[in-house]
Amino acid sequence: MSDGFVGYRSQLVETLQGKGVRDMSVLRAIATIPRHLFVPESLRHRAYEDIALPIGSGQTISQPYVQARSCELVKLTGRERVLEIGTGSGYQTALLAMLAETVFSVERVADLARHAHDVIRGLDLPNITIMHNDGTLGWKPSAPYDAIIVAAASPGIPQPLVAQLAPGGRMVIPVGSQAEQVLTLVTKHMEDEAYDETAVHDVRFVPLLGEFGFAEAG
């Protein structure tokens, strides 16, 4: 994509490789998707730094390393149905569209859902569906999902999401308090509803609000 930011995307890829991201499909997606289109114009000069940035409505676009690592952990091959909880800017949604067959993304803030939809439509990524809803409930009509990525901090593992994960499926979710969390890999058993949890590393996300997340203030 010749848009004047190709070199910046290449530098970001090198940064992520230096931090241990090895999945070449993920790195190709990072090198292709124009992150600067998903941040406010006033912050576009910082779009390819490996940092989180505010996007309005009290939300952020996550650090590229954390998004790349999350995509890497679910081990996508291009044939999967993926559920994303917390569309936010839509940037990770776009990355997932390059890595999976179909992406369903749920966002509780209507303005963010609309803006993400508009940016993604301009990029011609037809395998994405964005819904405005309580993400802690998942999106049952399109389940089961081979992979789920949760882009907000949860006090625990939301059981509706586990139920919508296919046998053998993988979910990445930040679990902990609103102040600090651990990025956690959930792997569902093939034969029953049980699952294993693996701690990956410490992270900081905005809270996952909803029926099976944190309660909204007031």
N, C-alpha and C. Protein backbone atom coordinates (compact mmCIF):
# COMPACT_ATOMS: atom_id res chain seq x y z
N MET A 1 0.85 -1.18 0.00
CA MET A 1 0.00 0.00 0.00
C MET A 1 0.89 1.24 0.00
N SER A 2 0.83 2.03 -1.10
CA SER A 2 1.68 3.20 -1.23
C SER A 2 0.93 4.43 -0.70
N ASP A 3 1.15 4.76 0.56
CA ASP A 3 0.42 5.87 1.16
C ASP A 3 1.34 6.80 1.94
N GLY A 4 2.64 6.64 1.77
CA GLY A 4 3.58 7.49 2.47
C GLY A 4 3.98 6.98 3.84
N PHE A 5 3.34 5.88 4.29
CA PHE A 5 3.63 5.34 5.62
C PHE A 5 4.26 3.95 5.56
N VAL A 6 4.58 3.50 4.33
CA VAL A 6 5.11 2.14 4.18
C VAL A 6 6.38 1.94 5.01
N GLY A 7 7.27 2.91 4.95
CA GLY A 7 8.51 2.80 5.71
C GLY A 7 8.28 2.74 7.21
N TYR A 8 7.30 3.49 7.70
CA TYR A 8 6.97 3.48 9.13
C TYR A 8 6.42 2.11 9.54
N ARG A 9 5.60 1.52 8.65
CA ARG A 9 5.07 0.19 8.96
C ARG A 9 6.21 -0.84 8.99
N SER A 10 7.15 -0.70 8.08
CA SER A 10 8.30 -1.62 8.08
C SER A 10 9.10 -1.49 9.36
N GLN A 11 9.28 -0.26 9.83
CA GLN A 11 9.99 -0.06 11.09
C GLN A 11 9.25 -0.68 12.26
N LEU A 12 7.92 -0.56 12.24
CA LEU A 12 7.13 -1.17 13.30
C LEU A 12 7.28 -2.69 13.28
N VAL A 13 7.26 -3.27 12.08
CA VAL A 13 7.47 -4.72 11.97
C VAL A 13 8.81 -5.12 12.57
N GLU A 14 9.86 -4.35 12.28
CA GLU A 14 11.18 -4.66 12.84
C GLU A 14 11.16 -4.55 14.37
N THR A 15 10.46 -3.55 14.88
CA THR A 15 10.35 -3.39 16.33
C THR A 15 9.67 -4.61 16.95
N LEU A 16 8.58 -5.07 16.33
CA LEU A 16 7.84 -6.21 16.87
C LEU A 16 8.65 -7.49 16.77
N GLN A 17 9.39 -7.65 15.69
CA GLN A 17 10.27 -8.81 15.58
C GLN A 17 11.32 -8.79 16.69
N GLY A 18 11.83 -7.60 16.98
CA GLY A 18 12.82 -7.47 18.04
C GLY A 18 12.27 -7.81 19.41
N LYS A 19 10.94 -7.68 19.57
CA LYS A 19 10.29 -8.01 20.83
C LYS A 19 9.79 -9.46 20.87
N GLY A 20 10.04 -10.20 19.80
CA GLY A 20 9.74 -11.63 19.84
C GLY A 20 8.57 -12.11 19.02
N VAL A 21 7.90 -11.22 18.26
CA VAL A 21 6.80 -11.66 17.41
C VAL A 21 7.41 -12.40 16.21
N ARG A 22 6.97 -13.64 15.99
CA ARG A 22 7.58 -14.49 14.97
C ARG A 22 6.61 -14.91 13.85
N ASP A 23 5.31 -14.84 14.09
CA ASP A 23 4.34 -15.29 13.11
C ASP A 23 4.38 -14.38 11.88
N MET A 24 4.82 -14.92 10.74
CA MET A 24 5.01 -14.10 9.54
C MET A 24 3.68 -13.58 8.99
N SER A 25 2.60 -14.32 9.19
CA SER A 25 1.30 -13.83 8.72
C SER A 25 0.89 -12.58 9.51
N VAL A 26 1.14 -12.60 10.81
CA VAL A 26 0.83 -11.45 11.65
C VAL A 26 1.69 -10.26 11.24
N LEU A 27 2.97 -10.49 11.01
CA LEU A 27 3.87 -9.41 10.62
C LEU A 27 3.50 -8.84 9.26
N ARG A 28 3.05 -9.69 8.34
CA ARG A 28 2.60 -9.19 7.03
C ARG A 28 1.36 -8.32 7.18
N ALA A 29 0.46 -8.72 8.07
CA ALA A 29 -0.74 -7.91 8.31
C ALA A 29 -0.36 -6.54 8.88
N ILE A 30 0.58 -6.53 9.83
CA ILE A 30 1.06 -5.27 10.41
C ILE A 30 1.67 -4.39 9.32
N ALA A 31 2.38 -5.01 8.38
CA ALA A 31 3.05 -4.27 7.31
C ALA A 31 2.07 -3.75 6.27
N THR A 32 0.85 -4.28 6.28
CA THR A 32 -0.13 -3.93 5.25
C THR A 32 -1.19 -2.96 5.73
N ILE A 33 -1.75 -3.20 6.93
CA ILE A 33 -2.89 -2.40 7.40
C ILE A 33 -2.41 -1.01 7.84
N PRO A 34 -3.02 0.06 7.34
CA PRO A 34 -2.60 1.43 7.66
C PRO A 34 -3.10 1.88 9.03
N ARG A 35 -2.31 1.67 10.05
CA ARG A 35 -2.72 2.01 11.42
C ARG A 35 -3.05 3.49 11.57
N HIS A 36 -2.43 4.33 10.77
CA HIS A 36 -2.67 5.77 10.90
C HIS A 36 -4.11 6.15 10.60
N LEU A 37 -4.82 5.33 9.83
CA LEU A 37 -6.22 5.63 9.52
C LEU A 37 -7.14 5.35 10.71
N PHE A 38 -6.64 4.63 11.70
CA PHE A 38 -7.47 4.23 12.83
C PHE A 38 -7.24 5.09 14.08
N VAL A 39 -6.40 6.10 13.96
CA VAL A 39 -6.15 6.99 15.10
C VAL A 39 -6.61 8.40 14.72
N PRO A 40 -6.88 9.26 15.70
CA PRO A 40 -7.26 10.64 15.39
C PRO A 40 -6.18 11.33 14.56
N GLU A 41 -6.59 12.21 13.66
CA GLU A 41 -5.64 12.89 12.77
C GLU A 41 -4.52 13.59 13.54
N SER A 42 -4.85 14.13 14.70
CA SER A 42 -3.84 14.85 15.49
C SER A 42 -2.75 13.93 16.02
N LEU A 43 -2.98 12.61 15.98
CA LEU A 43 -2.00 11.65 16.50
C LEU A 43 -1.39 10.78 15.42
N ARG A 44 -1.68 11.08 14.16
CA ARG A 44 -1.20 10.21 13.09
C ARG A 44 0.32 10.16 13.00
N HIS A 45 0.99 11.21 13.44
CA HIS A 45 2.45 11.21 13.42
C HIS A 45 3.03 10.21 14.41
N ARG A 46 2.18 9.69 15.31
CA ARG A 46 2.63 8.70 16.29
C ARG A 46 2.03 7.31 16.04
N ALA A 47 1.34 7.15 14.92
CA ALA A 47 0.57 5.94 14.67
C ALA A 47 1.42 4.68 14.63
N TYR A 48 2.70 4.79 14.23
CA TYR A 48 3.52 3.59 14.08
C TYR A 48 4.55 3.43 15.19
N GLU A 49 4.35 4.20 16.28
CA GLU A 49 5.12 3.92 17.48
C GLU A 49 4.46 2.74 18.21
N ASP A 50 5.25 1.99 18.94
CA ASP A 50 4.71 0.82 19.64
C ASP A 50 4.11 1.25 20.98
N ILE A 51 3.05 2.05 20.88
CA ILE A 51 2.38 2.58 22.07
C ILE A 51 0.87 2.58 21.86
N ALA A 52 0.13 2.59 22.97
CA ALA A 52 -1.31 2.78 22.91
C ALA A 52 -1.60 4.27 22.73
N LEU A 53 -2.72 4.59 22.08
CA LEU A 53 -3.10 5.98 21.83
C LEU A 53 -4.59 6.16 22.11
N PRO A 54 -5.00 7.33 22.60
CA PRO A 54 -6.43 7.57 22.83
C PRO A 54 -7.19 7.70 21.52
N ILE A 55 -8.42 7.19 21.50
CA ILE A 55 -9.25 7.28 20.28
C ILE A 55 -10.60 7.90 20.57
N GLY A 56 -10.78 8.44 21.80
CA GLY A 56 -12.05 9.05 22.16
C GLY A 56 -12.94 8.10 22.93
N SER A 57 -13.99 8.64 23.54
CA SER A 57 -14.95 7.85 24.32
C SER A 57 -14.29 7.11 25.48
N GLY A 58 -13.14 7.64 25.94
CA GLY A 58 -12.44 6.99 27.04
C GLY A 58 -11.73 5.70 26.66
N GLN A 59 -11.57 5.45 25.36
CA GLN A 59 -10.97 4.20 24.89
C GLN A 59 -9.62 4.47 24.23
N THR A 60 -8.89 3.39 23.97
CA THR A 60 -7.58 3.51 23.33
C THR A 60 -7.43 2.49 22.21
N ILE A 61 -6.52 2.78 21.30
CA ILE A 61 -6.03 1.77 20.36
C ILE A 61 -4.83 1.14 21.06
N SER A 62 -4.84 -0.16 21.21
CA SER A 62 -3.84 -0.84 22.03
C SER A 62 -2.45 -0.77 21.41
N GLN A 63 -1.46 -1.03 22.23
CA GLN A 63 -0.07 -1.10 21.78
C GLN A 63 0.05 -2.17 20.69
N PRO A 64 0.69 -1.87 19.57
CA PRO A 64 0.81 -2.85 18.50
C PRO A 64 1.41 -4.18 18.94
N TYR A 65 2.39 -4.16 19.85
CA TYR A 65 2.97 -5.42 20.31
C TYR A 65 1.91 -6.31 20.95
N VAL A 66 1.07 -5.73 21.78
CA VAL A 66 0.04 -6.53 22.47
C VAL A 66 -0.96 -7.10 21.45
N GLN A 67 -1.32 -6.29 20.45
CA GLN A 67 -2.26 -6.78 19.44
C GLN A 67 -1.61 -7.87 18.59
N ALA A 68 -0.36 -7.66 18.20
CA ALA A 68 0.34 -8.67 17.41
C ALA A 68 0.49 -9.97 18.20
N ARG A 69 0.83 -9.84 19.47
CA ARG A 69 1.00 -11.03 20.31
C ARG A 69 -0.32 -11.76 20.48
N SER A 70 -1.42 -11.02 20.66
CA SER A 70 -2.73 -11.65 20.79
C SER A 70 -3.09 -12.42 19.53
N CYS A 71 -2.85 -11.80 18.38
CA CYS A 71 -3.13 -12.49 17.11
C CYS A 71 -2.26 -13.73 16.94
N GLU A 72 -1.02 -13.63 17.37
CA GLU A 72 -0.09 -14.75 17.27
C GLU A 72 -0.51 -15.91 18.16
N LEU A 73 -1.01 -15.59 19.35
CA LEU A 73 -1.36 -16.63 20.32
C LEU A 73 -2.52 -17.51 19.87
N VAL A 74 -3.44 -16.97 19.08
CA VAL A 74 -4.59 -17.78 18.66
C VAL A 74 -4.29 -18.62 17.42
N LYS A 75 -3.09 -18.45 16.84
CA LYS A 75 -2.58 -19.35 15.80
C LYS A 75 -3.54 -19.52 14.63
N LEU A 76 -3.83 -18.43 13.96
CA LEU A 76 -4.77 -18.45 12.84
C LEU A 76 -4.09 -18.93 11.56
N THR A 77 -4.85 -19.68 10.76
CA THR A 77 -4.33 -20.23 9.50
C THR A 77 -5.05 -19.66 8.28
N GLY A 78 -6.08 -18.84 8.50
CA GLY A 78 -6.83 -18.29 7.38
C GLY A 78 -8.17 -18.95 7.15
N ARG A 79 -8.49 -19.98 7.91
CA ARG A 79 -9.74 -20.72 7.71
C ARG A 79 -10.73 -20.54 8.87
N GLU A 80 -10.40 -19.71 9.83
CA GLU A 80 -11.17 -19.66 11.08
C GLU A 80 -12.28 -18.61 11.06
N ARG A 81 -13.25 -18.86 11.97
CA ARG A 81 -14.23 -17.87 12.36
C ARG A 81 -13.74 -17.27 13.68
N VAL A 82 -13.59 -15.95 13.71
CA VAL A 82 -13.00 -15.28 14.87
C VAL A 82 -14.00 -14.28 15.44
N LEU A 83 -14.07 -14.23 16.76
CA LEU A 83 -14.87 -13.23 17.46
C LEU A 83 -13.93 -12.29 18.19
N GLU A 84 -14.11 -10.99 17.96
CA GLU A 84 -13.35 -9.98 18.68
C GLU A 84 -14.30 -9.23 19.60
N ILE A 85 -13.91 -9.09 20.86
CA ILE A 85 -14.71 -8.34 21.82
C ILE A 85 -13.99 -7.02 22.09
N GLY A 86 -14.62 -5.93 21.69
CA GLY A 86 -14.02 -4.61 21.81
C GLY A 86 -13.41 -4.17 20.50
N THR A 87 -14.25 -3.75 19.56
CA THR A 87 -13.76 -3.32 18.25
C THR A 87 -12.83 -2.13 18.39
N GLY A 88 -13.21 -1.19 19.27
CA GLY A 88 -12.39 0.00 19.46
C GLY A 88 -12.20 0.76 18.17
N SER A 89 -10.95 1.00 17.81
CA SER A 89 -10.64 1.73 16.58
C SER A 89 -10.93 0.92 15.33
N GLY A 90 -10.92 -0.41 15.46
CA GLY A 90 -11.09 -1.29 14.31
C GLY A 90 -9.77 -1.79 13.74
N TYR A 91 -8.66 -1.33 14.28
CA TYR A 91 -7.36 -1.72 13.72
C TYR A 91 -7.09 -3.22 13.89
N GLN A 92 -7.26 -3.73 15.12
CA GLN A 92 -7.05 -5.17 15.31
C GLN A 92 -8.05 -5.97 14.50
N THR A 93 -9.26 -5.46 14.36
CA THR A 93 -10.28 -6.11 13.53
C THR A 93 -9.76 -6.29 12.12
N ALA A 94 -9.15 -5.24 11.58
CA ALA A 94 -8.60 -5.30 10.23
C ALA A 94 -7.44 -6.30 10.13
N LEU A 95 -6.59 -6.32 11.16
CA LEU A 95 -5.52 -7.31 11.18
C LEU A 95 -6.09 -8.73 11.12
N LEU A 96 -7.11 -8.97 11.94
CA LEU A 96 -7.72 -10.30 11.99
C LEU A 96 -8.35 -10.68 10.66
N ALA A 97 -8.86 -9.68 9.93
CA ALA A 97 -9.48 -9.96 8.63
C ALA A 97 -8.47 -10.52 7.64
N MET A 98 -7.20 -10.17 7.83
CA MET A 98 -6.15 -10.70 6.96
C MET A 98 -5.66 -12.07 7.40
N LEU A 99 -6.05 -12.47 8.61
CA LEU A 99 -5.54 -13.71 9.19
C LEU A 99 -6.56 -14.83 9.27
N ALA A 100 -7.84 -14.49 9.14
CA ALA A 100 -8.92 -15.48 9.33
C ALA A 100 -9.90 -15.40 8.17
N GLU A 101 -10.79 -16.37 8.12
CA GLU A 101 -11.79 -16.39 7.05
C GLU A 101 -12.91 -15.38 7.30
N THR A 102 -13.37 -15.31 8.56
CA THR A 102 -14.48 -14.43 8.91
C THR A 102 -14.23 -13.84 10.29
N VAL A 103 -14.52 -12.55 10.44
CA VAL A 103 -14.33 -11.87 11.71
C VAL A 103 -15.64 -11.20 12.14
N PHE A 104 -16.06 -11.51 13.35
CA PHE A 104 -17.21 -10.86 13.98
C PHE A 104 -16.68 -10.04 15.14
N SER A 105 -17.03 -8.76 15.21
CA SER A 105 -16.49 -7.90 16.25
C SER A 105 -17.62 -7.16 16.94
N VAL A 106 -17.57 -7.12 18.28
CA VAL A 106 -18.63 -6.51 19.08
C VAL A 106 -18.06 -5.30 19.83
N GLU A 107 -18.74 -4.17 19.74
CA GLU A 107 -18.32 -2.94 20.40
C GLU A 107 -19.51 -2.32 21.13
N ARG A 108 -19.32 -1.97 22.41
CA ARG A 108 -20.40 -1.44 23.21
C ARG A 108 -20.61 0.07 23.03
N VAL A 109 -19.61 0.78 22.49
CA VAL A 109 -19.73 2.22 22.26
C VAL A 109 -20.15 2.45 20.81
N ALA A 110 -21.35 2.95 20.63
CA ALA A 110 -21.93 3.07 19.29
C ALA A 110 -21.08 3.92 18.36
N ASP A 111 -20.57 5.04 18.85
CA ASP A 111 -19.77 5.93 18.00
C ASP A 111 -18.51 5.23 17.49
N LEU A 112 -17.87 4.45 18.36
CA LEU A 112 -16.67 3.73 17.94
C LEU A 112 -17.01 2.66 16.92
N ALA A 113 -18.12 1.95 17.13
CA ALA A 113 -18.53 0.91 16.18
C ALA A 113 -18.77 1.52 14.80
N ARG A 114 -19.44 2.68 14.76
CA ARG A 114 -19.73 3.32 13.47
C ARG A 114 -18.44 3.78 12.78
N HIS A 115 -17.55 4.40 13.56
CA HIS A 115 -16.32 4.90 12.96
C HIS A 115 -15.45 3.76 12.45
N ALA A 116 -15.32 2.70 13.23
CA ALA A 116 -14.53 1.54 12.80
C ALA A 116 -15.12 0.95 11.52
N HIS A 117 -16.43 0.85 11.47
CA HIS A 117 -17.09 0.32 10.28
C HIS A 117 -16.76 1.16 9.06
N ASP A 118 -16.78 2.49 9.21
CA ASP A 118 -16.51 3.37 8.07
C ASP A 118 -15.08 3.23 7.58
N VAL A 119 -14.11 3.17 8.51
CA VAL A 119 -12.71 3.04 8.11
C VAL A 119 -12.48 1.70 7.42
N ILE A 120 -13.02 0.64 7.99
CA ILE A 120 -12.83 -0.70 7.42
C ILE A 120 -13.49 -0.82 6.06
N ARG A 121 -14.65 -0.21 5.89
CA ARG A 121 -15.32 -0.23 4.57
C ARG A 121 -14.43 0.40 3.51
N GLY A 122 -13.72 1.46 3.89
CA GLY A 122 -12.81 2.12 2.95
C GLY A 122 -11.61 1.27 2.58
N LEU A 123 -11.30 0.26 3.37
CA LEU A 123 -10.15 -0.61 3.11
C LEU A 123 -10.55 -1.87 2.34
N ASP A 124 -11.83 -2.01 2.04
CA ASP A 124 -12.33 -3.16 1.27
C ASP A 124 -11.95 -4.48 1.94
N LEU A 125 -12.44 -4.64 3.18
CA LEU A 125 -12.25 -5.89 3.93
C LEU A 125 -13.64 -6.49 4.14
N PRO A 126 -14.13 -7.27 3.20
CA PRO A 126 -15.53 -7.72 3.22
C PRO A 126 -15.84 -8.82 4.20
N ASN A 127 -14.83 -9.40 4.85
CA ASN A 127 -15.07 -10.54 5.74
C ASN A 127 -15.24 -10.13 7.20
N ILE A 128 -15.59 -8.86 7.43
CA ILE A 128 -15.78 -8.33 8.79
C ILE A 128 -17.23 -7.94 9.00
N THR A 129 -17.78 -8.31 10.16
CA THR A 129 -19.09 -7.83 10.60
C THR A 129 -18.92 -7.20 11.97
N ILE A 130 -19.36 -5.95 12.13
CA ILE A 130 -19.25 -5.25 13.41
C ILE A 130 -20.63 -5.05 14.00
N MET A 131 -20.78 -5.40 15.28
CA MET A 131 -22.05 -5.27 15.97
C MET A 131 -21.91 -4.35 17.17
N HIS A 132 -22.94 -3.56 17.44
CA HIS A 132 -22.99 -2.72 18.64
C HIS A 132 -23.78 -3.48 19.69
N ASN A 133 -23.10 -3.91 20.76
CA ASN A 133 -23.77 -4.73 21.77
C ASN A 133 -22.85 -4.88 22.99
N ASP A 134 -23.35 -5.56 24.01
CA ASP A 134 -22.57 -5.91 25.19
C ASP A 134 -21.64 -7.06 24.81
N GLY A 135 -20.35 -6.76 24.74
CA GLY A 135 -19.40 -7.77 24.29
C GLY A 135 -19.25 -8.95 25.23
N THR A 136 -19.58 -8.77 26.51
CA THR A 136 -19.42 -9.90 27.45
C THR A 136 -20.40 -11.02 27.14
N LEU A 137 -21.41 -10.73 26.33
CA LEU A 137 -22.37 -11.75 25.93
C LEU A 137 -21.93 -12.49 24.67
N GLY A 138 -20.85 -12.00 24.05
CA GLY A 138 -20.40 -12.60 22.80
C GLY A 138 -21.37 -12.30 21.67
N TRP A 139 -21.42 -13.21 20.71
CA TRP A 139 -22.38 -13.09 19.60
C TRP A 139 -22.84 -14.49 19.24
N LYS A 140 -23.83 -14.96 19.99
CA LYS A 140 -24.25 -16.36 19.92
C LYS A 140 -24.75 -16.80 18.55
N PRO A 141 -25.50 -15.97 17.80
CA PRO A 141 -26.02 -16.45 16.52
C PRO A 141 -24.95 -16.93 15.54
N SER A 142 -23.74 -16.42 15.65
CA SER A 142 -22.68 -16.81 14.71
C SER A 142 -21.68 -17.79 15.30
N ALA A 143 -21.90 -18.22 16.54
CA ALA A 143 -21.02 -19.18 17.20
C ALA A 143 -21.21 -20.57 16.58
N PRO A 144 -20.24 -21.49 16.75
CA PRO A 144 -19.04 -21.34 17.57
C PRO A 144 -17.89 -20.67 16.81
N TYR A 145 -16.93 -20.17 17.59
CA TYR A 145 -15.77 -19.49 17.03
C TYR A 145 -14.51 -20.29 17.29
N ASP A 146 -13.64 -20.32 16.30
CA ASP A 146 -12.36 -21.02 16.46
C ASP A 146 -11.41 -20.24 17.36
N ALA A 147 -11.59 -18.92 17.38
CA ALA A 147 -10.74 -18.07 18.21
C ALA A 147 -11.53 -16.86 18.67
N ILE A 148 -11.22 -16.38 19.87
CA ILE A 148 -11.82 -15.17 20.43
C ILE A 148 -10.70 -14.31 20.99
N ILE A 149 -10.70 -13.02 20.64
CA ILE A 149 -9.76 -12.08 21.23
C ILE A 149 -10.55 -11.00 21.94
N VAL A 150 -10.27 -10.83 23.21
CA VAL A 150 -10.95 -9.82 24.02
C VAL A 150 -9.99 -8.65 24.22
N ALA A 151 -10.41 -7.46 23.82
CA ALA A 151 -9.54 -6.29 23.85
C ALA A 151 -9.90 -5.33 24.98
N ALA A 152 -10.31 -5.88 26.11
CA ALA A 152 -10.61 -5.09 27.31
C ALA A 152 -10.42 -5.99 28.52
N ALA A 153 -10.14 -5.36 29.66
CA ALA A 153 -9.79 -6.11 30.87
C ALA A 153 -11.03 -6.67 31.56
N SER A 154 -11.00 -7.96 31.86
CA SER A 154 -12.12 -8.63 32.49
C SER A 154 -11.75 -9.10 33.90
N PRO A 155 -12.70 -9.06 34.85
CA PRO A 155 -12.41 -9.57 36.20
C PRO A 155 -12.27 -11.09 36.24
N GLY A 156 -12.73 -11.76 35.21
CA GLY A 156 -12.65 -13.21 35.13
C GLY A 156 -12.89 -13.65 33.69
N ILE A 157 -13.03 -14.93 33.48
CA ILE A 157 -13.31 -15.46 32.15
C ILE A 157 -14.82 -15.46 31.93
N PRO A 158 -15.37 -14.63 31.06
CA PRO A 158 -16.83 -14.61 30.85
C PRO A 158 -17.33 -15.95 30.29
N GLN A 159 -18.23 -16.57 31.02
CA GLN A 159 -18.69 -17.90 30.61
C GLN A 159 -19.42 -17.93 29.27
N PRO A 160 -20.16 -16.87 28.89
CA PRO A 160 -20.77 -16.90 27.55
C PRO A 160 -19.72 -17.01 26.44
N LEU A 161 -18.56 -16.43 26.66
CA LEU A 161 -17.51 -16.52 25.64
C LEU A 161 -16.93 -17.93 25.58
N VAL A 162 -16.73 -18.54 26.73
CA VAL A 162 -16.26 -19.93 26.74
C VAL A 162 -17.26 -20.83 26.02
N ALA A 163 -18.54 -20.60 26.27
CA ALA A 163 -19.58 -21.43 25.66
C ALA A 163 -19.59 -21.28 24.14
N GLN A 164 -19.19 -20.11 23.64
CA GLN A 164 -19.22 -19.86 22.20
C GLN A 164 -17.91 -20.22 21.51
N LEU A 165 -16.94 -20.68 22.29
CA LEU A 165 -15.65 -21.10 21.73
C LEU A 165 -15.77 -22.56 21.27
N ALA A 166 -15.33 -22.83 20.07
CA ALA A 166 -15.40 -24.19 19.53
C ALA A 166 -14.48 -25.12 20.32
N PRO A 167 -14.77 -26.43 20.33
CA PRO A 167 -13.86 -27.39 20.97
C PRO A 167 -12.45 -27.24 20.39
N GLY A 168 -11.48 -27.13 21.28
CA GLY A 168 -10.11 -26.92 20.83
C GLY A 168 -9.79 -25.47 20.51
N GLY A 169 -10.78 -24.58 20.63
CA GLY A 169 -10.59 -23.18 20.30
C GLY A 169 -9.72 -22.46 21.32
N ARG A 170 -9.24 -21.28 20.93
CA ARG A 170 -8.34 -20.51 21.79
C ARG A 170 -8.89 -19.10 21.97
N MET A 171 -8.79 -18.59 23.19
CA MET A 171 -9.22 -17.24 23.50
C MET A 171 -8.11 -16.51 24.22
N VAL A 172 -7.87 -15.26 23.83
CA VAL A 172 -6.90 -14.40 24.52
C VAL A 172 -7.68 -13.29 25.21
N ILE A 173 -7.44 -13.10 26.50
CA ILE A 173 -8.21 -12.14 27.28
C ILE A 173 -7.36 -11.58 28.43
N PRO A 174 -7.37 -10.25 28.66
CA PRO A 174 -6.70 -9.70 29.83
C PRO A 174 -7.56 -9.92 31.07
N VAL A 175 -7.03 -10.54 32.09
CA VAL A 175 -7.79 -10.87 33.29
C VAL A 175 -7.12 -10.24 34.51
N GLY A 176 -7.93 -9.58 35.34
CA GLY A 176 -7.40 -8.99 36.56
C GLY A 176 -8.27 -7.85 37.05
N SER A 177 -7.66 -6.90 37.74
CA SER A 177 -8.38 -5.74 38.24
C SER A 177 -8.44 -4.68 37.14
N GLN A 178 -9.13 -3.56 37.43
CA GLN A 178 -9.14 -2.49 36.45
C GLN A 178 -7.79 -1.79 36.36
N ALA A 179 -6.94 -1.97 37.35
CA ALA A 179 -5.64 -1.30 37.36
C ALA A 179 -4.55 -2.10 36.66
N GLU A 180 -4.60 -3.42 36.76
CA GLU A 180 -3.56 -4.25 36.15
C GLU A 180 -4.11 -5.63 35.86
N GLN A 181 -3.62 -6.21 34.76
CA GLN A 181 -4.12 -7.52 34.34
C GLN A 181 -2.98 -8.38 33.79
N VAL A 182 -3.33 -9.63 33.57
CA VAL A 182 -2.42 -10.57 32.92
C VAL A 182 -3.09 -11.04 31.63
N LEU A 183 -2.39 -10.89 30.51
CA LEU A 183 -2.90 -11.43 29.25
C LEU A 183 -2.92 -12.95 29.40
N THR A 184 -4.07 -13.53 29.18
CA THR A 184 -4.29 -14.95 29.47
C THR A 184 -4.76 -15.69 28.23
N LEU A 185 -4.16 -16.84 27.97
CA LEU A 185 -4.58 -17.71 26.88
C LEU A 185 -5.47 -18.80 27.43
N VAL A 186 -6.69 -18.87 26.93
CA VAL A 186 -7.66 -19.89 27.31
C VAL A 186 -7.77 -20.90 26.17
N THR A 187 -7.56 -22.16 26.47
CA THR A 187 -7.67 -23.22 25.46
C THR A 187 -8.77 -24.18 25.88
N LYS A 188 -9.81 -24.28 25.07
CA LYS A 188 -10.96 -25.12 25.42
C LYS A 188 -10.67 -26.58 25.09
N HIS A 189 -11.09 -27.47 25.97
CA HIS A 189 -10.90 -28.89 25.74
C HIS A 189 -11.74 -29.37 24.56
N MET A 190 -11.30 -30.44 23.94
CA MET A 190 -12.01 -30.98 22.78
C MET A 190 -13.28 -31.72 23.18
N GLU A 191 -13.27 -32.29 24.39
CA GLU A 191 -14.34 -33.23 24.73
C GLU A 191 -15.40 -32.66 25.66
N ASP A 192 -15.16 -31.50 26.27
CA ASP A 192 -16.16 -30.96 27.19
C ASP A 192 -16.02 -29.44 27.26
N GLU A 193 -16.71 -28.82 28.21
CA GLU A 193 -16.69 -27.36 28.32
C GLU A 193 -15.53 -26.85 29.18
N ALA A 194 -14.69 -27.73 29.66
CA ALA A 194 -13.55 -27.32 30.48
C ALA A 194 -12.50 -26.63 29.62
N TYR A 195 -11.61 -25.89 30.28
CA TYR A 195 -10.56 -25.18 29.55
C TYR A 195 -9.34 -24.99 30.43
N ASP A 196 -8.22 -24.77 29.79
CA ASP A 196 -6.97 -24.48 30.48
C ASP A 196 -6.65 -23.00 30.34
N GLU A 197 -5.99 -22.43 31.36
CA GLU A 197 -5.56 -21.04 31.32
C GLU A 197 -4.05 -20.97 31.41
N THR A 198 -3.45 -20.14 30.56
CA THR A 198 -2.01 -19.93 30.58
C THR A 198 -1.74 -18.43 30.66
N ALA A 199 -1.01 -18.00 31.69
CA ALA A 199 -0.64 -16.59 31.82
C ALA A 199 0.47 -16.28 30.82
N VAL A 200 0.32 -15.15 30.10
CA VAL A 200 1.30 -14.77 29.08
C VAL A 200 2.21 -13.66 29.59
N HIS A 201 1.65 -12.48 29.86
CA HIS A 201 2.45 -11.40 30.43
C HIS A 201 1.52 -10.31 30.95
N ASP A 202 2.07 -9.41 31.75
CA ASP A 202 1.28 -8.32 32.33
C ASP A 202 0.89 -7.31 31.26
N VAL A 203 -0.32 -6.77 31.39
CA VAL A 203 -0.83 -5.78 30.43
C VAL A 203 -1.69 -4.77 31.17
N ARG A 204 -2.04 -3.69 30.46
CA ARG A 204 -2.97 -2.69 30.97
C ARG A 204 -4.00 -2.38 29.88
N PHE A 205 -5.26 -2.72 30.14
CA PHE A 205 -6.34 -2.46 29.19
C PHE A 205 -7.43 -1.64 29.87
N VAL A 206 -8.26 -1.00 29.06
CA VAL A 206 -9.47 -0.38 29.59
C VAL A 206 -10.40 -1.50 30.05
N PRO A 207 -11.31 -1.23 31.00
CA PRO A 207 -12.17 -2.30 31.53
C PRO A 207 -13.21 -2.81 30.55
N LEU A 208 -13.49 -4.08 30.63
CA LEU A 208 -14.57 -4.70 29.88
C LEU A 208 -15.87 -4.51 30.68
N LEU A 209 -16.73 -3.64 30.17
CA LEU A 209 -17.97 -3.33 30.86
C LEU A 209 -19.11 -4.18 30.30
N GLY A 210 -19.99 -4.65 31.19
CA GLY A 210 -21.12 -5.43 30.72
C GLY A 210 -21.58 -6.43 31.76
N GLU A 211 -22.54 -7.23 31.38
CA GLU A 211 -23.18 -8.16 32.31
C GLU A 211 -22.19 -9.14 32.93
N PHE A 212 -21.19 -9.59 32.16
CA PHE A 212 -20.22 -10.56 32.67
C PHE A 212 -18.82 -9.95 32.79
N GLY A 213 -18.77 -8.61 32.87
CA GLY A 213 -17.51 -7.91 33.07
C GLY A 213 -17.61 -7.01 34.27
N PHE A 214 -16.99 -5.86 34.20
CA PHE A 214 -17.09 -4.86 35.26
C PHE A 214 -18.39 -4.07 35.11
N ALA A 215 -18.94 -3.66 36.25
CA ALA A 215 -20.17 -2.84 36.22
C ALA A 215 -19.82 -1.41 35.83
N GLU A 216 -20.72 -0.78 35.09
CA GLU A 216 -20.52 0.62 34.74
C GLU A 216 -20.69 1.50 35.97
N ALA A 217 -19.88 2.53 36.08
CA ALA A 217 -19.97 3.47 37.20
C ALA A 217 -21.32 4.19 37.17
N GLY A 218 -21.90 4.37 38.35
CA GLY A 218 -23.17 5.10 38.45
C GLY A 218 -24.36 4.25 38.15
